[in-house]
Amino acid sequence: MNADQDRVAALELDWPAWQIWVVPRVVGGTVWCARRWDGTGDVLNAGSADELTEHLVAATTAGPLPGDLDRFKDGTAQ
């Protein structure tokens, strides 16, 4: 296994309700992805395993994803 596969395996142990995978891109690095095994909710995408973990924490605590509130800084959605 390579380093990404090792990290996917570790994340799957930490987040058993989520299917986790990576998409290697020719340009731009790896995209880290997750979706609930039960088919509910959105697919999460991130630029790193750490960022995906942040998204998983946010998704499981029913809070906004990082950056979601940036759309409302001036009081209106963009």
N, C-alpha and C. Protein backbone atom coordinates (compact mmCIF):
# COMPACT_ATOMS: atom_id res chain seq x y z
N MET A 1 0.84 -1.19 0.00
CA MET A 1 0.00 0.00 0.00
C MET A 1 0.88 1.24 0.00
N ASN A 2 0.36 2.31 -0.61
CA ASN A 2 1.10 3.56 -0.58
C ASN A 2 0.59 4.43 0.58
N ALA A 3 1.18 5.59 0.74
CA ALA A 3 0.84 6.46 1.88
C ALA A 3 -0.62 6.89 1.85
N ASP A 4 -1.17 7.21 0.67
CA ASP A 4 -2.58 7.60 0.59
C ASP A 4 -3.49 6.44 0.99
N GLN A 5 -3.18 5.24 0.53
CA GLN A 5 -3.99 4.08 0.89
C GLN A 5 -3.94 3.80 2.39
N ASP A 6 -2.77 3.99 2.98
CA ASP A 6 -2.64 3.83 4.43
C ASP A 6 -3.51 4.84 5.16
N ARG A 7 -3.51 6.07 4.67
CA ARG A 7 -4.31 7.12 5.33
C ARG A 7 -5.80 6.86 5.13
N VAL A 8 -6.21 6.40 3.94
CA VAL A 8 -7.61 6.04 3.70
C VAL A 8 -8.03 4.95 4.68
N ALA A 9 -7.21 3.93 4.85
CA ALA A 9 -7.52 2.84 5.78
C ALA A 9 -7.68 3.36 7.21
N ALA A 10 -6.80 4.27 7.61
CA ALA A 10 -6.89 4.83 8.96
C ALA A 10 -8.16 5.66 9.12
N LEU A 11 -8.50 6.47 8.11
CA LEU A 11 -9.72 7.26 8.18
C LEU A 11 -10.96 6.37 8.23
N GLU A 12 -10.94 5.28 7.47
CA GLU A 12 -12.08 4.37 7.48
C GLU A 12 -12.27 3.74 8.86
N LEU A 13 -11.19 3.48 9.57
CA LEU A 13 -11.30 2.96 10.93
C LEU A 13 -11.89 4.01 11.87
N ASP A 14 -11.49 5.27 11.68
CA ASP A 14 -11.98 6.36 12.52
C ASP A 14 -13.42 6.76 12.18
N TRP A 15 -13.83 6.54 10.94
CA TRP A 15 -15.14 6.99 10.45
C TRP A 15 -15.85 5.82 9.76
N PRO A 16 -16.28 4.80 10.51
CA PRO A 16 -16.84 3.59 9.91
C PRO A 16 -18.15 3.80 9.16
N ALA A 17 -18.87 4.88 9.42
CA ALA A 17 -20.13 5.14 8.71
C ALA A 17 -19.89 5.78 7.34
N TRP A 18 -18.64 6.05 7.02
CA TRP A 18 -18.30 6.78 5.79
C TRP A 18 -17.44 5.93 4.87
N GLN A 19 -17.74 6.01 3.58
CA GLN A 19 -16.89 5.44 2.55
C GLN A 19 -15.88 6.52 2.18
N ILE A 20 -14.62 6.20 2.18
CA ILE A 20 -13.57 7.19 1.93
C ILE A 20 -12.68 6.70 0.80
N TRP A 21 -12.36 7.60 -0.11
CA TRP A 21 -11.50 7.24 -1.24
C TRP A 21 -10.74 8.47 -1.71
N VAL A 22 -9.74 8.24 -2.55
CA VAL A 22 -8.97 9.33 -3.13
C VAL A 22 -9.08 9.26 -4.65
N VAL A 23 -8.97 10.43 -5.26
CA VAL A 23 -8.95 10.54 -6.72
C VAL A 23 -7.64 11.24 -7.09
N PRO A 24 -6.67 10.48 -7.59
CA PRO A 24 -5.42 11.11 -8.01
C PRO A 24 -5.63 11.86 -9.33
N ARG A 25 -5.19 13.11 -9.35
CA ARG A 25 -5.31 13.90 -10.57
C ARG A 25 -3.92 14.08 -11.19
N VAL A 26 -3.90 14.20 -12.50
CA VAL A 26 -2.63 14.41 -13.20
C VAL A 26 -2.05 15.76 -12.79
N VAL A 27 -2.91 16.77 -12.72
CA VAL A 27 -2.50 18.11 -12.31
C VAL A 27 -3.34 18.52 -11.12
N GLY A 28 -2.70 19.01 -10.07
CA GLY A 28 -3.45 19.52 -8.94
C GLY A 28 -3.51 18.62 -7.72
N GLY A 29 -2.82 17.50 -7.75
CA GLY A 29 -2.76 16.65 -6.58
C GLY A 29 -3.97 15.75 -6.40
N THR A 30 -4.08 15.20 -5.23
CA THR A 30 -5.11 14.23 -4.91
C THR A 30 -6.33 14.90 -4.32
N VAL A 31 -7.52 14.43 -4.68
CA VAL A 31 -8.76 14.86 -4.06
C VAL A 31 -9.19 13.77 -3.09
N TRP A 32 -9.47 14.15 -1.87
CA TRP A 32 -9.93 13.23 -0.83
C TRP A 32 -11.45 13.33 -0.77
N CYS A 33 -12.12 12.18 -0.78
CA CYS A 33 -13.58 12.16 -0.87
C CYS A 33 -14.18 11.24 0.19
N ALA A 34 -15.41 11.56 0.58
CA ALA A 34 -16.13 10.71 1.53
C ALA A 34 -17.63 10.85 1.30
N ARG A 35 -18.36 9.77 1.55
CA ARG A 35 -19.82 9.81 1.56
C ARG A 35 -20.30 8.76 2.55
N ARG A 36 -21.46 9.01 3.10
CA ARG A 36 -22.03 8.09 4.08
C ARG A 36 -22.41 6.78 3.40
N TRP A 37 -22.16 5.67 4.06
CA TRP A 37 -22.53 4.36 3.53
C TRP A 37 -24.03 4.24 3.36
N ASP A 38 -24.82 4.97 4.19
CA ASP A 38 -26.28 4.84 4.10
C ASP A 38 -26.88 5.69 2.97
N GLY A 39 -26.04 6.41 2.25
CA GLY A 39 -26.50 7.17 1.09
C GLY A 39 -27.11 8.52 1.41
N THR A 40 -27.12 8.93 2.67
CA THR A 40 -27.66 10.23 3.02
C THR A 40 -26.56 11.28 2.98
N GLY A 41 -26.94 12.52 2.82
CA GLY A 41 -25.98 13.61 2.85
C GLY A 41 -25.22 13.79 1.55
N ASP A 42 -24.34 14.73 1.58
CA ASP A 42 -23.55 15.09 0.41
C ASP A 42 -22.24 14.31 0.36
N VAL A 43 -21.66 14.26 -0.82
CA VAL A 43 -20.29 13.76 -0.97
C VAL A 43 -19.37 14.90 -0.53
N LEU A 44 -18.41 14.57 0.29
CA LEU A 44 -17.44 15.56 0.77
C LEU A 44 -16.17 15.45 -0.06
N ASN A 45 -15.60 16.57 -0.43
CA ASN A 45 -14.35 16.61 -1.19
C ASN A 45 -13.39 17.56 -0.49
N ALA A 46 -12.12 17.19 -0.48
CA ALA A 46 -11.12 18.01 0.19
C ALA A 46 -9.78 17.88 -0.51
N GLY A 47 -8.91 18.82 -0.23
CA GLY A 47 -7.59 18.82 -0.83
C GLY A 47 -6.55 18.03 -0.06
N SER A 48 -6.92 17.58 1.15
CA SER A 48 -5.98 16.79 1.95
C SER A 48 -6.78 15.91 2.91
N ALA A 49 -6.10 14.93 3.48
CA ALA A 49 -6.75 14.06 4.46
C ALA A 49 -7.16 14.86 5.70
N ASP A 50 -6.33 15.81 6.11
CA ASP A 50 -6.67 16.63 7.28
C ASP A 50 -7.90 17.49 7.01
N GLU A 51 -7.99 18.06 5.81
CA GLU A 51 -9.15 18.86 5.46
C GLU A 51 -10.40 17.98 5.39
N LEU A 52 -10.27 16.77 4.87
CA LEU A 52 -11.41 15.85 4.83
C LEU A 52 -11.87 15.53 6.24
N THR A 53 -10.94 15.34 7.16
CA THR A 53 -11.30 15.09 8.55
C THR A 53 -12.11 16.26 9.11
N GLU A 54 -11.70 17.49 8.80
CA GLU A 54 -12.47 18.66 9.25
C GLU A 54 -13.89 18.62 8.69
N HIS A 55 -14.02 18.26 7.42
CA HIS A 55 -15.34 18.17 6.81
C HIS A 55 -16.18 17.07 7.46
N LEU A 56 -15.55 15.95 7.79
CA LEU A 56 -16.27 14.85 8.44
C LEU A 56 -16.76 15.27 9.82
N VAL A 57 -15.92 15.96 10.57
CA VAL A 57 -16.32 16.44 11.89
C VAL A 57 -17.51 17.39 11.74
N ALA A 58 -17.41 18.31 10.80
CA ALA A 58 -18.49 19.27 10.60
C ALA A 58 -19.78 18.56 10.17
N ALA A 59 -19.67 17.58 9.30
CA ALA A 59 -20.85 16.89 8.80
C ALA A 59 -21.52 16.05 9.89
N THR A 60 -20.74 15.53 10.80
CA THR A 60 -21.32 14.68 11.84
C THR A 60 -21.82 15.48 13.03
N THR A 61 -21.46 16.75 13.11
CA THR A 61 -21.97 17.59 14.19
C THR A 61 -23.06 18.53 13.67
N ALA A 62 -23.49 18.30 12.43
CA ALA A 62 -24.56 19.08 11.79
C ALA A 62 -24.23 20.56 11.69
N GLY A 63 -22.96 20.88 11.71
CA GLY A 63 -22.56 22.27 11.54
C GLY A 63 -22.21 22.55 10.10
N PRO A 64 -22.00 23.81 9.75
CA PRO A 64 -21.62 24.15 8.38
C PRO A 64 -20.22 23.65 8.07
N LEU A 65 -19.98 23.36 6.82
CA LEU A 65 -18.64 23.00 6.39
C LEU A 65 -17.74 24.23 6.46
N PRO A 66 -16.44 24.02 6.68
CA PRO A 66 -15.53 25.17 6.70
C PRO A 66 -15.68 25.99 5.42
N GLY A 67 -15.81 27.29 5.58
CA GLY A 67 -15.97 28.16 4.42
C GLY A 67 -17.41 28.48 4.09
N ASP A 68 -18.37 27.68 4.58
CA ASP A 68 -19.77 27.94 4.26
C ASP A 68 -20.23 29.30 4.76
N LEU A 69 -19.77 29.69 5.93
CA LEU A 69 -20.22 30.96 6.49
C LEU A 69 -19.61 32.16 5.78
N ASP A 70 -18.54 31.94 5.01
CA ASP A 70 -17.92 33.03 4.26
C ASP A 70 -18.91 33.65 3.29
N ARG A 71 -19.86 32.87 2.81
CA ARG A 71 -20.84 33.38 1.85
C ARG A 71 -21.77 34.41 2.48
N PHE A 72 -21.83 34.45 3.81
CA PHE A 72 -22.79 35.33 4.48
C PHE A 72 -22.11 36.45 5.26
N LYS A 73 -20.86 36.72 4.98
CA LYS A 73 -20.13 37.74 5.76
C LYS A 73 -20.79 39.11 5.72
N ASP A 74 -21.35 39.48 4.57
CA ASP A 74 -21.97 40.81 4.48
C ASP A 74 -23.47 40.76 4.75
N GLY A 75 -23.96 39.60 5.23
CA GLY A 75 -25.37 39.48 5.57
C GLY A 75 -26.23 38.92 4.46
N THR A 76 -25.67 38.71 3.29
CA THR A 76 -26.43 38.13 2.19
C THR A 76 -25.66 36.98 1.59
N ALA A 77 -26.37 35.99 1.15
CA ALA A 77 -25.70 34.86 0.50
C ALA A 77 -25.22 35.28 -0.87
N GLN A 78 -24.08 34.78 -1.24
CA GLN A 78 -23.52 35.09 -2.57
C GLN A 78 -23.76 33.96 -3.52
